[in-house]
C-alpha atoms as a PDB file:
ATOM      1  CA  MET A   1      -0.007   0.008  -0.005  1.00  0.00           C
ATOM      2  CA  ASN A   2       2.795   2.457   0.886  1.00  0.00           C
ATOM      3  CA  THR A   3       4.610   1.849  -2.403  1.00  0.00           C
ATOM      4  CA  VAL A   4       1.397   2.613  -4.309  1.00  0.00           C
ATOM      5  CA  LEU A   5       1.009   5.874  -2.395  1.00  0.00           C
ATOM      6  CA  ASN A   6       4.656   6.719  -2.990  1.00  0.00           C
ATOM      7  CA  ARG A   7       4.343   6.072  -6.738  1.00  0.00           C
ATOM      8  CA  ASP A   8       1.150   8.140  -6.882  1.00  0.00           C
ATOM      9  CA  SER A   9       2.685  11.069  -5.023  1.00  0.00           C
ATOM     10  CA  ILE A  10       5.793  10.944  -7.229  1.00  0.00           C
ATOM     11  CA  GLN A  11       3.560  10.908 -10.310  1.00  0.00           C
ATOM     12  CA  VAL A  12       1.572  13.900  -9.026  1.00  0.00           C
ATOM     13  CA  LYS A  13       4.810  15.796  -8.370  1.00  0.00           C
ATOM     14  CA  ARG A  14       6.132  15.037 -11.884  1.00  0.00           C
ATOM     15  CA  ASP A  15       2.790  16.041 -13.374  1.00  0.00           C
ATOM     16  CA  LEU A  16       2.885  19.394 -11.610  1.00  0.00           C
ATOM     17  CA  GLN A  17       6.503  19.979 -12.674  1.00  0.00           C
ATOM     18  CA  ARG A  18       5.581  19.301 -16.325  1.00  0.00           C
ATOM     19  CA  ARG A  19       2.620  21.672 -16.097  1.00  0.00           C
ATOM     20  CA  ILE A  20       4.799  24.354 -14.495  1.00  0.00           C
ATOM     21  CA  GLU A  21       7.336  24.035 -17.303  1.00  0.00           C
ATOM     22  CA  ASP A  22       4.514  24.419 -19.866  1.00  0.00           C
ATOM     23  CA  TYR A  23       3.340  27.544 -17.989  1.00  0.00           C
ATOM     24  CA  VAL A  24       6.891  28.918 -18.097  1.00  0.00           C
ATOM     25  CA  ILE A  25       6.965  28.462 -21.883  1.00  0.00           C
ATOM     26  CA  GLN A  26       3.721  30.424 -22.176  1.00  0.00           C
ATOM     27  CA  TYR A  27       5.141  33.102 -19.858  1.00  0.00           C
ATOM     28  CA  CYS A  28       8.218  33.433 -22.094  1.00  0.00           C
ATOM     29  CA  GLU A  29       5.943  33.809 -25.135  1.00  0.00           C
ATOM     30  CA  ALA A  30       3.981  36.586 -23.372  1.00  0.00           C
ATOM     31  CA  LEU A  31       7.237  38.390 -22.510  1.00  0.00           C
ATOM     32  CA  GLU A  32       8.410  38.150 -26.134  1.00  0.00           C
ATOM     33  CA  GLU A  33       5.116  39.531 -27.419  1.00  0.00           C
ATOM     34  CA  ASN A  34       5.255  42.350 -24.849  1.00  0.00           C
ATOM     35  CA  PHE A  35       8.747  43.292 -26.033  1.00  0.00           C
ATOM     36  CA  LYS A  36       7.627  43.193 -29.657  1.00  0.00           C
ATOM     37  CA  GLN A  37       4.679  45.532 -28.944  1.00  0.00           C
ATOM     38  CA  TYR A  38       6.944  47.802 -26.867  1.00  0.00           C
ATOM     39  CA  SER A  39       9.404  48.047 -29.772  1.00  0.00           C
ATOM     40  CA  ILE A  40       6.677  48.764 -32.345  1.00  0.00           C
ATOM     41  CA  ASN A  41       5.159  51.483 -30.140  1.00  0.00           C
ATOM     42  CA  SER A  42       8.589  53.065 -29.519  1.00  0.00           C
ATOM     43  CA  TYR A  43       9.468  53.261 -33.234  1.00  0.00           C
ATOM     44  CA  LYS A  44       6.012  54.571 -34.176  1.00  0.00           C
ATOM     45  CA  ARG A  45       6.135  57.185 -31.413  1.00  0.00           C
ATOM     46  CA  ASN A  46       9.543  58.370 -32.596  1.00  0.00           C
ATOM     47  CA  LEU A  47       8.209  58.683 -36.135  1.00  0.00           C
ATOM     48  CA  ASP A  48       5.049  60.523 -35.040  1.00  0.00           C
ATOM     49  CA  GLU A  49       6.811  62.959 -32.731  1.00  0.00           C
ATOM     50  CA  GLN A  50       9.603  63.709 -35.209  1.00  0.00           C
ATOM     51  CA  ARG A  51      12.025  64.256 -32.338  1.00  0.00           C
ATOM     52  CA  PHE A  52      14.913  62.837 -34.336  1.00  0.00           C
ATOM     53  CA  PRO A  53      13.910  63.278 -38.005  1.00  0.00           C
ATOM     54  CA  GLU A  54      17.412  62.221 -39.123  1.00  0.00           C
ATOM     55  CA  ASN A  55      16.610  58.707 -37.805  1.00  0.00           C
ATOM     56  CA  ASN A  56      13.260  58.311 -39.599  1.00  0.00           C
ATOM     57  CA  SER A  57      14.655  55.850 -42.147  1.00  0.00           C
ATOM     58  CA  TYR A  58      16.096  53.757 -39.303  1.00  0.00           C
ATOM     59  CA  TYR A  59      12.741  53.663 -37.466  1.00  0.00           C
ATOM     60  CA  LYS A  60      10.925  52.656 -40.660  1.00  0.00           C
ATOM     61  CA  GLN A  61      13.531  50.000 -41.374  1.00  0.00           C
ATOM     62  CA  GLN A  62      13.117  48.569 -37.866  1.00  0.00           C
ATOM     63  CA  LEU A  63       9.309  48.525 -38.151  1.00  0.00           C
ATOM     64  CA  ASP A  64       9.589  46.751 -41.513  1.00  0.00           C
ATOM     65  CA  ALA A  65      11.930  44.153 -39.979  1.00  0.00           C
ATOM     66  CA  ILE A  66       9.478  43.532 -37.109  1.00  0.00           C
ATOM     67  CA  ASN A  67       6.562  43.201 -39.529  1.00  0.00           C
ATOM     68  CA  ASP A  68       8.364  40.768 -41.844  1.00  0.00           C
ATOM     69  CA  GLY A  69       9.784  38.720 -38.934  1.00  0.00           C
ATOM     70  CA  THR A  70      13.482  39.486 -39.545  1.00  0.00           C
ATOM     71  CA  ALA A  71      14.035  41.787 -36.555  1.00  0.00           C
ATOM     72  CA  ASN A  72      16.449  40.550 -33.887  1.00  0.00           C
ATOM     73  CA  LEU A  73      14.169  41.297 -30.954  1.00  0.00           C
ATOM     74  CA  TYR A  74      14.721  39.990 -27.446  1.00  0.00           C
ATOM     75  CA  LYS A  75      13.823  36.367 -26.961  1.00  0.00           C
ATOM     76  CA  PHE A  76      13.033  34.803 -23.627  1.00  0.00           C
ATOM     77  CA  ASP A  77      14.220  31.393 -22.532  1.00  0.00           C
ATOM     78  CA  TYR A  78      14.503  29.416 -19.329  1.00  0.00           C
ATOM     79  CA  LYS A  79      16.840  26.989 -17.618  1.00  0.00           C
ATOM     80  CA  VAL A  80      15.701  24.361 -15.147  1.00  0.00           C
ATOM     81  CA  GLY A  81      17.851  24.134 -12.032  1.00  0.00           C
ATOM     82  CA  LYS A  82      17.638  22.037  -8.864  1.00  0.00           C
ATOM     83  CA  LYS A  83      15.060  24.243  -7.149  1.00  0.00           C
ATOM     84  CA  PHE A  84      14.190  27.038  -9.580  1.00  0.00           C
ATOM     85  CA  ILE A  85      13.488  27.646 -13.225  1.00  0.00           C
ATOM     86  CA  LYS A  86      15.392  30.759 -14.288  1.00  0.00           C
ATOM     87  CA  VAL A  87      13.660  32.898 -16.944  1.00  0.00           C
ATOM     88  CA  PHE A  88      16.019  35.245 -18.788  1.00  0.00           C
ATOM     89  CA  ASN A  89      16.193  37.297 -21.952  1.00  0.00           C
ATOM     90  CA  LEU A  90      18.408  36.654 -24.932  1.00  0.00           C
ATOM     91  CA  GLN A  91      19.768  39.712 -26.700  1.00  0.00           C
ATOM     92  CA  TYR A  92      21.151  39.750 -30.216  1.00  0.00           C
ATOM     93  CA  ASP A  93      24.867  40.628 -30.040  1.00  0.00           C
ATOM     94  CA  THR A  94      26.545  42.205 -33.064  1.00  0.00           C
ATOM     95  CA  PHE A  95      29.716  43.327 -31.286  1.00  0.00           C
ATOM     96  CA  GLN A  96      32.800  42.386 -33.316  1.00  0.00           C
ATOM     97  CA  ASN A  97      30.551  40.554 -35.802  1.00  0.00           C
ATOM     98  CA  ARG A  98      29.370  37.963 -33.276  1.00  0.00           C
ATOM     99  CA  ASN A  99      25.839  38.034 -34.694  1.00  0.00           C
ATOM    100  CA  GLU A 100      24.326  35.665 -32.165  1.00  0.00           C
ATOM    101  CA  TYR A 101      21.896  35.653 -29.271  1.00  0.00           C
ATOM    102  CA  ARG A 102      23.498  35.800 -25.838  1.00  0.00           C
ATOM    103  CA  ALA A 103      21.986  35.610 -22.371  1.00  0.00           C
ATOM    104  CA  GLY A 104      20.992  39.003 -20.992  1.00  0.00           C
ATOM    105  CA  SER A 105      19.380  39.580 -17.630  1.00  0.00           C
ATOM    106  CA  VAL A 106      17.184  37.364 -15.475  1.00  0.00           C
ATOM    107  CA  THR A 107      13.499  38.238 -15.586  1.00  0.00           C
ATOM    108  CA  ALA A 108      12.142  35.838 -12.969  1.00  0.00           C
ATOM    109  CA  PHE A 109      12.745  32.723 -10.889  1.00  0.00           C
ATOM    110  CA  ILE A 110       9.989  30.134 -10.665  1.00  0.00           C
ATOM    111  CA  ASP A 111       9.988  27.370  -8.049  1.00  0.00           C
ATOM    112  CA  ARG A 112       9.910  24.212 -10.157  1.00  0.00           C
ATOM    113  CA  ASN A 113       7.923  22.267  -7.521  1.00  0.00           C
ATOM    114  CA  THR A 114       5.325  24.870  -6.519  1.00  0.00           C
ATOM    115  CA  GLY A 115       5.073  27.326  -9.448  1.00  0.00           C
ATOM    116  CA  GLU A 116       5.714  30.298  -7.180  1.00  0.00           C
ATOM    117  CA  VAL A 117       7.174  33.233  -9.128  1.00  0.00           C
ATOM    118  CA  TYR A 118       9.911  35.432  -7.669  1.00  0.00           C
ATOM    119  CA  LYS A 119      11.588  38.624  -8.798  1.00  0.00           C
ATOM    120  CA  PRO A 120      15.339  38.113  -9.229  1.00  0.00           C
ATOM    121  CA  ALA A 121      17.726  39.479  -6.619  1.00  0.00           C
ATOM    122  CA  SER A 122      20.716  38.621  -8.811  1.00  0.00           C
ATOM    123  CA  TRP A 123      21.640  36.347 -11.716  1.00  0.00           C
ATOM    124  CA  LYS A 124      21.840  33.403  -9.311  1.00  0.00           C
ATOM    125  CA  ALA A 125      19.155  33.995  -6.701  1.00  0.00           C
ATOM    126  CA  PRO A 126      15.540  35.113  -6.319  1.00  0.00           C
ATOM    127  CA  ALA A 127      14.286  37.866  -4.034  1.00  0.00           C
ATOM    128  CA  LYS A 128      12.548  36.759  -0.839  1.00  0.00           C
ATOM    129  CA  HIS A 129       8.840  37.299  -1.488  1.00  0.00           C
ATOM    130  CA  VAL A 130       6.551  35.323  -3.790  1.00  0.00           C
ATOM    131  CA  ARG A 131       5.030  37.621  -6.450  1.00  0.00           C
ATOM    132  CA  PHE A 132       2.725  35.195  -8.287  1.00  0.00           C
ATOM    133  CA  ASP A 133       1.718  31.541  -8.134  1.00  0.00           C
ATOM    134  CA  LEU A 134       1.258  29.646 -11.390  1.00  0.00           C
ATOM    135  CA  ARG A 135      -1.058  27.145  -9.665  1.00  0.00           C
ATOM    136  CA  ILE A 136      -3.633  29.896  -9.226  1.00  0.00           C
ATOM    137  CA  ILE A 137      -5.575  30.253 -12.490  1.00  0.00           C
ATOM    138  CA  LYS A 138      -6.168  34.005 -12.206  1.00  0.00           C
ATOM    139  CA  GLU A 139      -2.479  34.719 -11.540  1.00  0.00           C
ATOM    140  CA  ARG A 140      -1.353  32.345 -14.291  1.00  0.00           C
ATOM    141  CA  GLU A 141      -3.701  34.011 -16.796  1.00  0.00           C
ATOM    142  CA  PHE A 142      -2.354  37.399 -15.733  1.00  0.00           C
ATOM    143  CA  LEU A 143       1.235  36.298 -16.460  1.00  0.00           C
ATOM    144  CA  HIS A 144       0.310  34.764 -19.802  1.00  0.00           C
ATOM    145  CA  ASN A 145      -1.221  38.020 -21.082  1.00  0.00           C
ATOM    146  CA  PRO A 146       1.376  40.199 -22.896  1.00  0.00           C
ATOM    147  CA  LYS A 147      -0.564  43.330 -21.900  1.00  0.00           C
ATOM    148  CA  ASN A 148      -0.004  42.563 -18.196  1.00  0.00           C
ATOM    149  CA  VAL A 149       3.642  41.551 -18.141  1.00  0.00           C
ATOM    150  CA  ASP A 150       6.619  43.816 -18.718  1.00  0.00           C
ATOM    151  CA  TRP A 151       9.608  42.488 -20.634  1.00  0.00           C
ATOM    152  CA  ALA A 152      11.867  44.295 -18.151  1.00  0.00           C
ATOM    153  CA  GLY A 153      10.226  42.634 -15.116  1.00  0.00           C
ATOM    154  CA  GLY A 154       8.231  45.616 -13.802  1.00  0.00           C
ATOM    155  CA  HIS A 155       5.217  43.373 -13.150  1.00  0.00           C
ATOM    156  CA  LEU A 156       7.241  41.598 -10.426  1.00  0.00           C
ATOM    157  CA  TYR A 157       7.681  44.611  -8.161  1.00  0.00           C
ATOM    158  CA  MET A 158       5.633  44.526  -4.978  1.00  0.00           C
ATOM    159  CA  ARG A 159       2.829  47.056  -4.825  1.00  0.00           C
END
């Protein structure tokens, strides 16, 4: 009887971990879409306000690249560790003709067993307080909506 309970509890734990990883993928997609919309709005605003008219061709070129899918916008990825899943951005690096995506800053830490979301304190560690919980449907839906999240992590500050 105990071995059946143990197998069931292990299966439940694995199931939750798989679901949390799926939620993290959706969170990364929401962050990418938020950054895309942020970039589009920034370039359009610069064109509309004509603050730097000498850069108009650059802004138009960037908008065209976003629209045709060739822009090197931030991407978001994650890495599963022992206790946490680290969500971070990937920035396109052109320095000295590298022309590759490289890890940027950490956006969030997510407890891989509970789905609790933390703001990062550093590249290696989360801040103390839980900001969201992916097990709670309302909070998960909030994090999966690109209009609610902020690519720079502003949605993780305590209010």
